[in-house]
Amino acid sequence: MLKLDILEIKGEKIVAGKNEGWLREKEEEPLPSTLDRRDYNIALDVKEREFSTEGFARFLKKKKADFSISFSKMTTSHGLSLLLILEQLLRALDLSAEGKYHK
């Protein structure tokens, strides 16, 4: 059984020469205190490591704390990114349980 809570932190549009510094400062602010430290907290960041589905499943088996990953260097909407992370989590859990969904 998997309990899933989604906390989406809305992004801001970058306006060249106007709000770039402010956005960088905002990104460095601590995450909300409502996050439970006993849970996995996954951040998506274009600058982080990319995985194959199998590699992601192996990584999740070893990881016991919060982490950041990247799906792509391409820009996607928050909705599409959320769909991708949910689907990859389902596949990773299925692979770990030797299920049939990923095949």
N, C-alpha and C. Protein backbone atom coordinates (compact mmCIF):
# COMPACT_ATOMS: atom_id res chain seq x y z
N MET A 1 0.85 -1.18 0.00
CA MET A 1 0.00 0.00 0.00
C MET A 1 0.89 1.24 0.00
N LEU A 2 0.49 2.20 -0.77
CA LEU A 2 1.24 3.45 -0.88
C LEU A 2 0.32 4.61 -0.56
N LYS A 3 0.72 5.42 0.40
CA LYS A 3 -0.01 6.64 0.72
C LYS A 3 0.73 7.78 0.02
N LEU A 4 0.00 8.59 -0.70
CA LEU A 4 0.62 9.64 -1.49
C LEU A 4 -0.05 10.97 -1.23
N ASP A 5 0.73 11.94 -0.82
CA ASP A 5 0.27 13.32 -0.70
C ASP A 5 1.09 14.15 -1.66
N ILE A 6 0.44 15.05 -2.37
CA ILE A 6 1.13 15.88 -3.35
C ILE A 6 1.10 17.33 -2.89
N LEU A 7 2.27 17.91 -2.75
CA LEU A 7 2.41 19.32 -2.44
C LEU A 7 3.11 19.97 -3.62
N GLU A 8 2.37 20.76 -4.35
CA GLU A 8 2.95 21.41 -5.52
C GLU A 8 3.29 22.84 -5.16
N ILE A 9 4.53 23.21 -5.38
CA ILE A 9 4.98 24.57 -5.15
C ILE A 9 4.98 25.26 -6.51
N LYS A 10 4.09 26.21 -6.67
CA LYS A 10 3.92 26.87 -7.96
C LYS A 10 5.18 27.64 -8.36
N GLY A 11 5.51 27.52 -9.62
CA GLY A 11 6.64 28.25 -10.16
C GLY A 11 6.23 29.64 -10.61
N GLU A 12 7.19 30.42 -10.91
CA GLU A 12 6.97 31.78 -11.40
C GLU A 12 7.59 31.89 -12.78
N LYS A 13 7.01 32.72 -13.61
CA LYS A 13 7.58 32.94 -14.93
C LYS A 13 8.81 33.83 -14.82
N ILE A 14 9.85 33.49 -15.58
CA ILE A 14 11.06 34.29 -15.60
C ILE A 14 10.90 35.39 -16.65
N VAL A 15 11.14 36.61 -16.23
CA VAL A 15 11.12 37.76 -17.14
C VAL A 15 12.55 38.26 -17.20
N ALA A 16 13.19 38.08 -18.35
CA ALA A 16 14.60 38.42 -18.51
C ALA A 16 14.90 39.83 -18.02
N GLY A 17 15.91 39.93 -17.15
CA GLY A 17 16.36 41.22 -16.66
C GLY A 17 15.49 41.83 -15.58
N LYS A 18 14.38 41.16 -15.19
CA LYS A 18 13.48 41.77 -14.20
C LYS A 18 13.41 40.98 -12.89
N ASN A 19 13.14 39.68 -12.96
CA ASN A 19 12.92 38.94 -11.71
C ASN A 19 13.85 37.74 -11.53
N GLU A 20 14.90 37.65 -12.32
CA GLU A 20 15.78 36.48 -12.24
C GLU A 20 16.41 36.33 -10.86
N GLY A 21 16.94 37.42 -10.29
CA GLY A 21 17.57 37.37 -8.97
C GLY A 21 16.59 36.99 -7.88
N TRP A 22 15.39 37.60 -7.94
CA TRP A 22 14.36 37.30 -6.96
C TRP A 22 13.97 35.82 -7.02
N LEU A 23 13.84 35.27 -8.23
CA LEU A 23 13.47 33.86 -8.38
C LEU A 23 14.55 32.94 -7.82
N ARG A 24 15.79 33.27 -8.06
CA ARG A 24 16.88 32.44 -7.52
C ARG A 24 16.84 32.43 -5.99
N GLU A 25 16.60 33.58 -5.39
CA GLU A 25 16.49 33.67 -3.92
C GLU A 25 15.30 32.85 -3.43
N LYS A 26 14.17 32.94 -4.12
CA LYS A 26 12.97 32.21 -3.72
C LYS A 26 13.19 30.70 -3.80
N GLU A 27 13.91 30.23 -4.83
CA GLU A 27 14.17 28.80 -4.98
C GLU A 27 15.03 28.26 -3.85
N GLU A 28 15.83 29.12 -3.23
CA GLU A 28 16.72 28.68 -2.16
C GLU A 28 16.06 28.69 -0.79
N GLU A 29 14.82 29.19 -0.70
CA GLU A 29 14.11 29.20 0.57
C GLU A 29 13.84 27.76 1.02
N PRO A 30 13.78 27.53 2.33
CA PRO A 30 13.48 26.17 2.81
C PRO A 30 12.09 25.71 2.37
N LEU A 31 11.94 24.41 2.23
CA LEU A 31 10.64 23.85 1.89
C LEU A 31 9.68 24.03 3.06
N PRO A 32 8.39 23.99 2.81
CA PRO A 32 7.42 24.20 3.89
C PRO A 32 7.59 23.21 5.04
N SER A 33 7.32 23.68 6.25
CA SER A 33 7.47 22.84 7.44
C SER A 33 6.41 21.75 7.52
N THR A 34 5.42 21.79 6.62
CA THR A 34 4.37 20.77 6.63
C THR A 34 4.87 19.43 6.09
N LEU A 35 6.05 19.41 5.48
CA LEU A 35 6.58 18.15 4.96
C LEU A 35 6.96 17.25 6.12
N ASP A 36 6.57 16.00 6.05
CA ASP A 36 6.86 15.03 7.10
C ASP A 36 8.24 14.43 6.84
N ARG A 37 9.14 14.57 7.76
CA ARG A 37 10.52 14.09 7.60
C ARG A 37 10.62 12.57 7.59
N ARG A 38 9.55 11.86 7.94
CA ARG A 38 9.58 10.39 7.89
C ARG A 38 9.28 9.87 6.50
N ASP A 39 8.83 10.75 5.62
CA ASP A 39 8.43 10.35 4.27
C ASP A 39 9.51 10.69 3.25
N TYR A 40 9.36 10.13 2.06
CA TYR A 40 10.17 10.55 0.92
C TYR A 40 9.61 11.87 0.41
N ASN A 41 10.46 12.81 0.18
CA ASN A 41 10.08 14.06 -0.45
C ASN A 41 10.93 14.18 -1.70
N ILE A 42 10.28 14.20 -2.86
CA ILE A 42 10.98 14.19 -4.13
C ILE A 42 10.82 15.54 -4.81
N ALA A 43 11.92 16.17 -5.12
CA ALA A 43 11.89 17.43 -5.85
C ALA A 43 12.35 17.18 -7.28
N LEU A 44 11.70 17.83 -8.23
CA LEU A 44 12.11 17.73 -9.63
C LEU A 44 12.93 18.97 -9.97
N ASP A 45 14.13 18.74 -10.49
CA ASP A 45 15.05 19.84 -10.80
C ASP A 45 15.81 19.48 -12.06
N VAL A 46 15.76 20.33 -13.05
CA VAL A 46 16.40 20.07 -14.34
C VAL A 46 17.91 19.84 -14.21
N LYS A 47 18.52 20.34 -13.15
CA LYS A 47 19.97 20.22 -12.98
C LYS A 47 20.39 18.91 -12.31
N GLU A 48 19.44 18.12 -11.88
CA GLU A 48 19.76 16.89 -11.14
C GLU A 48 19.94 15.69 -12.07
N ARG A 49 20.19 14.55 -11.47
CA ARG A 49 20.47 13.30 -12.18
C ARG A 49 19.23 12.75 -12.88
N GLU A 50 19.44 12.19 -14.07
CA GLU A 50 18.37 11.52 -14.81
C GLU A 50 18.54 10.01 -14.66
N PHE A 51 17.42 9.26 -14.74
CA PHE A 51 17.41 7.81 -14.57
C PHE A 51 16.63 7.13 -15.68
N SER A 52 16.95 5.87 -15.93
CA SER A 52 16.05 4.99 -16.67
C SER A 52 15.02 4.50 -15.64
N THR A 53 13.95 3.86 -16.10
CA THR A 53 12.95 3.33 -15.17
C THR A 53 13.58 2.31 -14.22
N GLU A 54 14.38 1.42 -14.77
CA GLU A 54 15.02 0.39 -13.95
C GLU A 54 16.00 1.02 -12.96
N GLY A 55 16.75 2.02 -13.42
CA GLY A 55 17.70 2.72 -12.55
C GLY A 55 16.99 3.45 -11.43
N PHE A 56 15.85 4.05 -11.73
CA PHE A 56 15.06 4.74 -10.73
C PHE A 56 14.56 3.75 -9.67
N ALA A 57 14.10 2.58 -10.10
CA ALA A 57 13.64 1.56 -9.15
C ALA A 57 14.77 1.13 -8.22
N ARG A 58 15.96 0.91 -8.79
CA ARG A 58 17.12 0.53 -7.95
C ARG A 58 17.48 1.66 -6.99
N PHE A 59 17.44 2.89 -7.46
CA PHE A 59 17.76 4.05 -6.64
C PHE A 59 16.78 4.16 -5.46
N LEU A 60 15.49 3.96 -5.71
CA LEU A 60 14.50 4.05 -4.65
C LEU A 60 14.71 2.98 -3.58
N LYS A 61 15.16 1.81 -3.97
CA LYS A 61 15.41 0.75 -2.99
C LYS A 61 16.50 1.16 -2.01
N LYS A 62 17.50 1.90 -2.48
CA LYS A 62 18.64 2.30 -1.65
C LYS A 62 18.39 3.60 -0.89
N LYS A 63 17.58 4.47 -1.43
CA LYS A 63 17.41 5.82 -0.89
C LYS A 63 16.48 5.82 0.31
N LYS A 64 16.90 6.44 1.38
CA LYS A 64 16.12 6.49 2.61
C LYS A 64 15.79 7.92 3.03
N ALA A 65 16.02 8.89 2.17
CA ALA A 65 15.78 10.28 2.54
C ALA A 65 15.29 11.07 1.33
N ASP A 66 15.13 12.35 1.51
CA ASP A 66 14.68 13.24 0.43
C ASP A 66 15.71 13.27 -0.69
N PHE A 67 15.25 13.57 -1.89
CA PHE A 67 16.17 13.67 -3.01
C PHE A 67 15.56 14.48 -4.14
N SER A 68 16.40 14.89 -5.06
CA SER A 68 15.98 15.60 -6.26
C SER A 68 16.39 14.78 -7.47
N ILE A 69 15.54 14.79 -8.50
CA ILE A 69 15.86 14.11 -9.75
C ILE A 69 15.44 15.00 -10.91
N SER A 70 15.84 14.62 -12.10
CA SER A 70 15.45 15.32 -13.31
C SER A 70 14.83 14.33 -14.28
N PHE A 71 13.76 14.74 -14.95
CA PHE A 71 13.18 13.92 -16.01
C PHE A 71 13.75 14.28 -17.36
N SER A 72 14.10 15.53 -17.52
CA SER A 72 14.56 15.99 -18.82
C SER A 72 15.06 17.41 -18.70
N LYS A 73 15.87 17.81 -19.64
CA LYS A 73 16.29 19.20 -19.70
C LYS A 73 15.25 20.04 -20.44
N MET A 74 14.27 19.37 -21.02
CA MET A 74 13.20 20.07 -21.72
C MET A 74 12.21 20.67 -20.72
N THR A 75 11.56 21.74 -21.10
CA THR A 75 10.54 22.37 -20.28
C THR A 75 9.21 21.65 -20.47
N THR A 76 8.55 21.31 -19.36
CA THR A 76 7.22 20.70 -19.40
C THR A 76 6.32 21.41 -18.40
N SER A 77 5.03 21.24 -18.55
CA SER A 77 4.09 21.82 -17.60
C SER A 77 4.15 21.06 -16.28
N HIS A 78 3.71 21.71 -15.20
CA HIS A 78 3.68 21.04 -13.90
C HIS A 78 2.79 19.81 -13.94
N GLY A 79 1.66 19.90 -14.65
CA GLY A 79 0.74 18.77 -14.73
C GLY A 79 1.37 17.56 -15.40
N LEU A 80 2.08 17.80 -16.49
CA LEU A 80 2.74 16.69 -17.19
C LEU A 80 3.87 16.11 -16.33
N SER A 81 4.63 16.96 -15.66
CA SER A 81 5.69 16.47 -14.78
C SER A 81 5.13 15.62 -13.65
N LEU A 82 3.99 16.04 -13.09
CA LEU A 82 3.35 15.27 -12.03
C LEU A 82 2.91 13.90 -12.56
N LEU A 83 2.31 13.88 -13.73
CA LEU A 83 1.91 12.62 -14.35
C LEU A 83 3.11 11.70 -14.55
N LEU A 84 4.21 12.25 -15.02
CA LEU A 84 5.43 11.45 -15.24
C LEU A 84 5.96 10.86 -13.94
N ILE A 85 6.05 11.66 -12.87
CA ILE A 85 6.60 11.14 -11.62
C ILE A 85 5.69 10.07 -11.03
N LEU A 86 4.38 10.27 -11.12
CA LEU A 86 3.46 9.26 -10.60
C LEU A 86 3.58 7.95 -11.37
N GLU A 87 3.64 8.04 -12.68
CA GLU A 87 3.76 6.83 -13.50
C GLU A 87 5.08 6.12 -13.24
N GLN A 88 6.16 6.86 -13.09
CA GLN A 88 7.46 6.24 -12.84
C GLN A 88 7.54 5.64 -11.43
N LEU A 89 6.88 6.26 -10.46
CA LEU A 89 6.81 5.67 -9.12
C LEU A 89 6.04 4.36 -9.16
N LEU A 90 4.92 4.32 -9.90
CA LEU A 90 4.16 3.07 -10.06
C LEU A 90 5.04 1.99 -10.69
N ARG A 91 5.75 2.34 -11.75
CA ARG A 91 6.62 1.36 -12.41
C ARG A 91 7.74 0.89 -11.48
N ALA A 92 8.35 1.82 -10.75
CA ALA A 92 9.45 1.46 -9.85
C ALA A 92 8.97 0.52 -8.74
N LEU A 93 7.82 0.83 -8.17
CA LEU A 93 7.27 -0.04 -7.12
C LEU A 93 6.91 -1.41 -7.69
N ASP A 94 6.36 -1.44 -8.89
CA ASP A 94 6.01 -2.71 -9.54
C ASP A 94 7.27 -3.53 -9.83
N LEU A 95 8.31 -2.87 -10.31
CA LEU A 95 9.57 -3.59 -10.56
C LEU A 95 10.13 -4.18 -9.27
N SER A 96 10.09 -3.40 -8.20
CA SER A 96 10.60 -3.87 -6.91
C SER A 96 9.82 -5.05 -6.39
N ALA A 97 8.52 -5.09 -6.70
CA ALA A 97 7.66 -6.19 -6.24
C ALA A 97 7.62 -7.33 -7.27
N GLU A 98 8.45 -7.24 -8.31
CA GLU A 98 8.49 -8.21 -9.40
C GLU A 98 7.11 -8.40 -10.03
N GLY A 99 6.40 -7.29 -10.20
CA GLY A 99 5.08 -7.32 -10.80
C GLY A 99 5.15 -7.38 -12.32
N LYS A 100 4.01 -7.24 -12.95
CA LYS A 100 3.91 -7.37 -14.40
C LYS A 100 3.62 -6.06 -15.12
N TYR A 101 3.36 -4.97 -14.39
CA TYR A 101 2.98 -3.71 -15.02
C TYR A 101 4.07 -3.19 -15.95
N HIS A 102 5.31 -3.27 -15.52
CA HIS A 102 6.40 -2.68 -16.30
C HIS A 102 6.71 -3.45 -17.58
N LYS A 103 6.35 -4.70 -17.63
CA LYS A 103 6.72 -5.55 -18.77
C LYS A 103 5.90 -5.27 -19.99
